[in-house]
Protein backbone atom coordinates (compact mmCIF):
# COMPACT_ATOMS: atom_id res chain seq x y z
CA UNK A 1 7.59 17.51 60.46
CA UNK A 2 8.55 17.52 64.29
CA UNK A 3 9.19 13.74 64.61
CA UNK A 4 11.38 13.94 61.13
CA UNK A 5 13.31 17.04 62.55
CA UNK A 6 13.99 15.20 65.83
CA UNK A 7 15.40 12.21 64.15
CA UNK A 8 17.67 14.47 61.80
CA UNK A 9 18.91 16.42 64.87
CA UNK A 10 19.63 13.05 66.72
CA UNK A 11 21.45 11.71 63.67
CA UNK A 12 23.61 14.85 63.28
CA UNK A 13 24.62 15.04 66.75
CA UNK A 14 25.41 11.32 67.41
CA UNK A 15 29.26 11.63 66.62
CA UNK A 16 29.52 14.65 68.94
CA UNK A 17 27.76 12.85 71.69
CA UNK A 18 30.26 10.04 71.60
CA UNK A 19 32.95 12.52 72.28
CA UNK A 20 31.29 14.14 75.18
CA UNK A 21 31.82 13.04 78.90
CA UNK A 22 30.46 13.90 82.28
CA UNK A 23 27.61 16.36 82.69
CA UNK A 24 27.71 17.70 79.02
CA UNK A 25 26.85 14.08 77.91
CA UNK A 26 24.05 13.87 80.42
CA UNK A 27 22.66 17.27 79.22
CA UNK A 28 22.85 16.20 75.67
CA UNK A 29 21.10 13.05 76.32
CA UNK A 30 18.42 14.94 78.27
CA UNK A 31 17.82 17.46 75.31
CA UNK A 32 17.54 14.50 72.73
CA UNK A 33 14.92 12.76 75.18
CA UNK A 34 13.11 15.92 75.52
CA UNK A 35 12.88 16.44 71.65
CA UNK A 36 11.53 13.08 71.35
CA UNK A 37 8.83 13.72 73.98
CA UNK A 38 7.78 16.95 72.34
CA UNK A 39 7.67 14.94 68.86
CA UNK A 40 4.91 12.83 70.25
CA UNK A 41 2.73 15.48 71.87
CA UNK A 42 0.18 17.64 70.51
CA UNK A 43 0.72 21.27 71.74
CA UNK A 44 -2.34 22.72 73.78
CA UNK A 45 -3.07 26.24 73.99
CA UNK A 46 -1.09 26.81 77.41
CA UNK A 47 1.83 24.62 76.24
CA UNK A 48 4.35 27.33 76.40
CA UNK A 49 3.76 27.90 80.30
CA UNK A 50 4.14 24.20 80.97
CA UNK A 51 7.35 23.78 78.97
CA UNK A 52 9.07 26.59 80.52
CA UNK A 53 8.02 25.44 84.09
CA UNK A 54 9.25 21.97 83.44
CA UNK A 55 12.56 22.94 81.93
CA UNK A 56 13.23 26.49 83.36
CA UNK A 57 16.73 25.44 84.78
CA UNK A 58 17.49 21.68 84.27
CA UNK A 59 19.45 21.68 81.19
CA UNK A 60 21.20 25.11 81.62
CA UNK A 61 22.23 24.10 85.13
CA UNK A 62 23.70 20.90 83.89
CA UNK A 63 25.78 22.56 81.12
CA UNK A 64 27.11 25.00 83.73
CA UNK A 65 30.81 24.52 84.40
CA UNK A 66 31.72 27.34 86.79
CA UNK A 67 30.88 26.22 90.22
CA UNK A 68 28.76 28.89 92.19
CA UNK A 69 29.30 29.98 95.75
CA UNK A 70 26.44 29.50 98.37
CA UNK A 71 25.40 33.12 97.96
CA UNK A 72 25.43 32.85 94.13
CA UNK A 73 23.24 29.65 94.42
CA UNK A 74 20.79 31.70 96.75
CA UNK A 75 20.21 34.43 94.14
CA UNK A 76 19.84 31.80 91.32
CA UNK A 77 17.15 29.91 93.34
CA UNK A 78 15.52 33.29 94.02
CA UNK A 79 15.34 33.92 90.25
CA UNK A 80 13.90 30.39 89.62
CA UNK A 81 11.22 31.08 92.39
CA UNK A 82 10.29 34.27 90.90
CA UNK A 83 9.84 32.72 87.50
CA UNK A 84 7.69 29.70 88.81
CA UNK A 85 5.68 31.92 91.01
CA UNK A 86 5.03 34.19 88.00
CA UNK A 87 4.02 31.50 85.71
CA UNK A 88 1.61 29.95 88.17
CA UNK A 89 -0.20 33.30 88.49
CA UNK A 90 -0.40 33.84 84.68
CA UNK A 91 -1.47 30.24 84.29
CA UNK A 92 -4.53 30.86 86.33
CA UNK A 93 -7.11 32.64 84.05
CA UNK A 94 -9.90 33.26 86.70
CA UNK A 95 -10.88 36.42 88.36
CA UNK A 96 -8.82 38.68 86.22
CA UNK A 97 -10.55 42.32 85.97
CA UNK A 98 -10.05 44.77 83.29
CA UNK A 99 -8.34 47.92 84.55
CA UNK A 100 -7.91 49.81 81.13
CA UNK A 101 -8.29 49.09 77.44
CA UNK A 102 -6.39 51.44 75.02
CA UNK A 103 -7.54 52.38 71.67
CA UNK A 104 -4.79 50.30 70.11
CA UNK A 105 -6.00 47.02 71.98
CA UNK A 106 -3.38 47.29 74.80
CA UNK A 107 -4.99 45.88 77.78
CA UNK A 108 -4.30 45.88 81.69
CA UNK A 109 -5.95 43.52 83.93
CA UNK A 110 -5.63 42.94 87.71
CA UNK A 111 -6.58 40.64 90.43
CA UNK A 112 -5.96 40.24 94.27
CA UNK A 113 -4.05 37.24 95.47
CA UNK A 114 -4.10 36.28 99.19
CA UNK A 115 -0.21 35.92 99.54
CA UNK A 116 0.86 38.48 97.12
CA UNK A 117 -1.71 41.38 96.98
CA UNK A 118 -2.80 43.06 93.93
CA UNK A 119 -1.01 42.20 90.62
CA UNK A 120 -1.34 43.76 87.16
CA UNK A 121 -1.26 42.07 83.83
CA UNK A 122 -0.29 43.99 80.63
CA UNK A 123 -1.18 42.26 77.42
CA UNK A 124 0.20 43.98 74.12
CA UNK A 125 1.28 43.20 70.59
CA UNK A 126 4.43 44.77 69.44
CA UNK A 127 5.25 45.25 65.70
CA UNK A 128 8.67 43.80 65.95
CA UNK A 129 10.26 40.35 65.90
CA UNK A 130 10.88 38.57 69.21
CA UNK A 131 14.52 38.61 69.14
CA UNK A 132 14.53 42.51 68.67
CA UNK A 133 12.10 42.87 71.78
CA UNK A 134 14.14 40.34 73.76
CA UNK A 135 17.34 42.08 73.02
CA UNK A 136 16.16 45.49 74.15
CA UNK A 137 14.71 44.23 77.39
CA UNK A 138 17.33 41.97 78.32
CA UNK A 139 21.00 42.75 76.31
CA UNK A 140 20.15 46.62 76.51
CA UNK A 141 18.57 46.47 79.99
CA UNK A 142 21.02 49.25 81.33
CA UNK A 143 19.67 51.81 78.70
CA UNK A 144 16.03 51.61 79.78
CA UNK A 145 16.43 54.79 81.48
CA UNK A 146 17.18 56.55 78.18
CA UNK A 147 13.60 55.69 76.70
CA UNK A 148 11.17 55.01 79.67
CA UNK A 149 10.44 58.08 81.58
CA UNK A 150 9.38 56.00 84.64
CA UNK A 151 12.84 54.82 85.07
CA UNK A 152 15.85 57.02 85.98
CA UNK A 153 18.28 54.20 86.01
CA UNK A 154 19.00 50.45 85.79
CA UNK A 155 22.36 49.19 86.71
CA UNK A 156 23.66 45.66 86.61
CA UNK A 157 25.39 45.02 89.97
CA UNK A 158 26.43 41.39 89.34
CA UNK A 159 26.04 38.86 86.78
CA UNK A 160 25.77 35.09 87.91
CA UNK A 161 26.12 32.51 85.09
CA UNK A 162 24.20 32.90 81.90
CA UNK A 163 20.74 33.75 83.15
CA UNK A 164 20.77 35.59 86.48
CA UNK A 165 21.67 39.14 87.43
CA UNK A 166 21.53 41.44 90.35
CA UNK A 167 20.06 44.93 89.40
CA UNK A 168 19.60 48.23 91.20
CA UNK A 169 16.80 50.28 89.64
CA UNK A 170 15.67 53.99 90.39
CA UNK A 171 12.25 54.92 89.48
CA UNK A 172 11.45 58.53 88.62
CA UNK A 173 8.92 60.45 90.60
CA UNK A 174 5.48 60.64 89.06
CA UNK A 175 4.04 63.90 87.85
CA UNK A 176 3.28 66.15 90.69
CA UNK A 177 5.29 63.91 92.85
CA UNK A 178 2.45 62.09 93.97
CA UNK A 179 4.65 59.18 94.33
CA UNK A 180 8.16 60.09 95.14
CA UNK A 181 11.37 58.52 93.91
CA UNK A 182 11.70 54.76 94.66
CA UNK A 183 14.58 52.43 94.23
CA UNK A 184 14.66 48.49 93.98
CA UNK A 185 17.26 45.94 94.27
CA UNK A 186 16.25 42.87 92.28
CA UNK A 187 17.52 39.43 91.26
CA UNK A 188 16.41 38.86 87.51
CA UNK A 189 16.26 35.54 85.67
CA UNK A 190 15.86 35.23 81.78
CA UNK A 191 14.96 31.99 80.17
CA UNK A 192 14.68 31.02 76.40
CA UNK A 193 12.91 27.96 75.63
CA UNK A 194 11.84 27.46 72.03
CA UNK A 195 9.71 30.32 70.74
CA UNK A 196 9.04 31.52 74.32
CA UNK A 197 11.19 33.90 76.40
CA UNK A 198 10.47 34.52 80.25
CA UNK A 199 12.05 37.61 82.04
CA UNK A 200 11.29 37.20 85.73
CA UNK A 201 12.39 38.96 88.96
CA UNK A 202 11.81 39.85 92.61
CA UNK A 203 13.21 42.03 95.28
CA UNK A 204 16.44 40.77 97.20
CA UNK A 205 19.16 42.15 99.34
CA UNK A 206 22.56 43.02 98.29
CA UNK A 207 25.26 44.02 100.84
CA UNK A 208 26.88 46.41 98.30
CA UNK A 209 23.62 48.32 97.80
CA UNK A 210 22.21 49.58 101.02
CA UNK A 211 19.21 51.99 101.08
CA UNK A 212 19.87 55.14 99.25
CA UNK A 213 19.56 58.68 100.62
CA UNK A 214 16.49 60.33 98.82
CA UNK A 215 14.88 57.11 97.69
CA UNK A 216 12.27 54.82 99.45
CA UNK A 217 13.44 51.18 99.05
CA UNK A 218 10.33 49.63 97.51
CA UNK A 219 9.73 45.85 96.91
CA UNK A 220 8.70 44.08 93.65
CA UNK A 221 7.88 40.49 92.74
CA UNK A 222 7.07 38.09 91.77
CA UNK A 223 7.00 39.68 88.42
CA UNK A 224 7.77 38.64 84.96
CA UNK A 225 7.58 39.45 81.22
CA UNK A 226 6.61 36.64 78.80
CA UNK A 227 7.49 37.21 75.03
CA UNK A 228 5.96 35.01 72.31
CA UNK A 229 5.65 35.38 68.47
CA UNK A 230 2.19 36.31 67.47
CA UNK A 231 0.44 33.21 65.97
CA UNK A 232 0.44 33.34 62.35
CA UNK A 233 2.76 36.53 62.30
CA UNK A 234 6.10 35.85 63.41
CA UNK A 235 7.60 39.14 62.84
CA UNK A 236 5.27 40.43 65.77
CA UNK A 237 5.51 39.76 69.31
CA UNK A 238 2.84 39.16 72.06
CA UNK A 239 4.34 40.81 75.33
CA UNK A 240 2.50 39.84 78.71
CA UNK A 241 3.77 41.83 81.65
CA UNK A 242 2.96 40.61 85.30
CA UNK A 243 3.61 43.56 87.69
CA UNK A 244 3.54 43.26 91.28
CA UNK A 245 4.95 46.04 93.52
CA UNK A 246 4.82 47.19 97.09
CA UNK A 247 5.73 50.89 96.93
CA UNK A 248 6.12 51.33 100.65
CA UNK A 249 5.25 54.59 102.28
CA UNK A 250 1.84 56.08 103.22
CA UNK A 251 -0.10 55.98 99.77
CA UNK A 252 -3.88 55.41 99.32
CA UNK A 253 -4.69 52.21 97.33
CA UNK A 254 -6.61 54.10 94.86
CA UNK A 255 -3.47 56.09 93.86
CA UNK A 256 -1.11 53.00 93.77
CA UNK A 257 -3.61 51.21 91.48
CA UNK A 258 -3.86 54.13 89.13
CA UNK A 259 0.03 54.67 89.08
CA UNK A 260 0.73 50.96 88.54
CA UNK A 261 -1.90 50.50 85.69
CA UNK A 262 -0.75 53.73 83.91
CA UNK A 263 2.91 52.86 84.44
CA UNK A 264 2.07 49.72 82.07
CA UNK A 265 0.30 51.45 79.44
CA UNK A 266 3.07 54.10 79.23
CA UNK A 267 5.76 51.40 79.10
CA UNK A 268 4.16 49.80 75.89
CA UNK A 269 4.03 53.19 74.38
CA UNK A 270 7.54 54.05 75.08
CA UNK A 271 8.81 50.44 74.09
CA UNK A 272 7.27 50.83 70.55
CA UNK A 273 8.75 54.40 70.20
CA UNK A 274 12.12 52.73 71.30
CA UNK A 275 11.99 49.94 68.75
CA UNK A 276 10.79 52.12 66.12
CA UNK A 277 14.03 54.14 66.27
CA UNK A 278 16.79 53.27 63.59
CA UNK A 279 19.46 50.93 64.90
CA UNK A 280 22.69 52.92 65.02
CA UNK A 281 25.32 51.69 62.63
């Protein structure tokens, strides 16, 4: 089926390809060649990671017409770096330890990395199609404070091209003010490749958003969320969230570990509640 589909797409696009010039033609040729290669391969269990890593920016950068400034390019590269580092961490299946398993099957695992520290990995299944989950987490990013009690505000400071944004996030204080208000300035990169979506990010600096009074400027990353349709059930989505945060300040590691793993469990619960709400007409 895939080889036949590849040939059909090539035939349909031939007359359009003849009218293309420059980078757009190169990109179209690259897409056609990639389809042919995929048609000849048998996908393995970790194919989604390898495909996203190989093609995370090549085709989109070729199709991008607007020239970027040196600063914008540095942010784009930071987003790509966060994506690649996150996927390398997720690809390594060794040494993950279970932190908690909820009654509904939601699971949080963790491991310690020499150059990053302790990272947490949430594995959940959401009873909504991938496009719905992606739309809530990416298109409606600034509304996250409306439904996630751990977040006070998410604000997009700048959009760079199709895939990269600079954001300022204010985290709410934990119950009992065990961990006071934190804020983050992050570069975020979103990629869609076939049936897999990756939302990656890491802390950055942004002149227009210096440290804020009443908040400790924390750091995150590399971090990412991977969305894939559940095999055999395309109306459901498997969500994997890699979380890596340095909360700064004087906090015992036991408290930090407890707060971060609970934050992931709570996120899954509140996301489901949000997606279950009727869509406004």
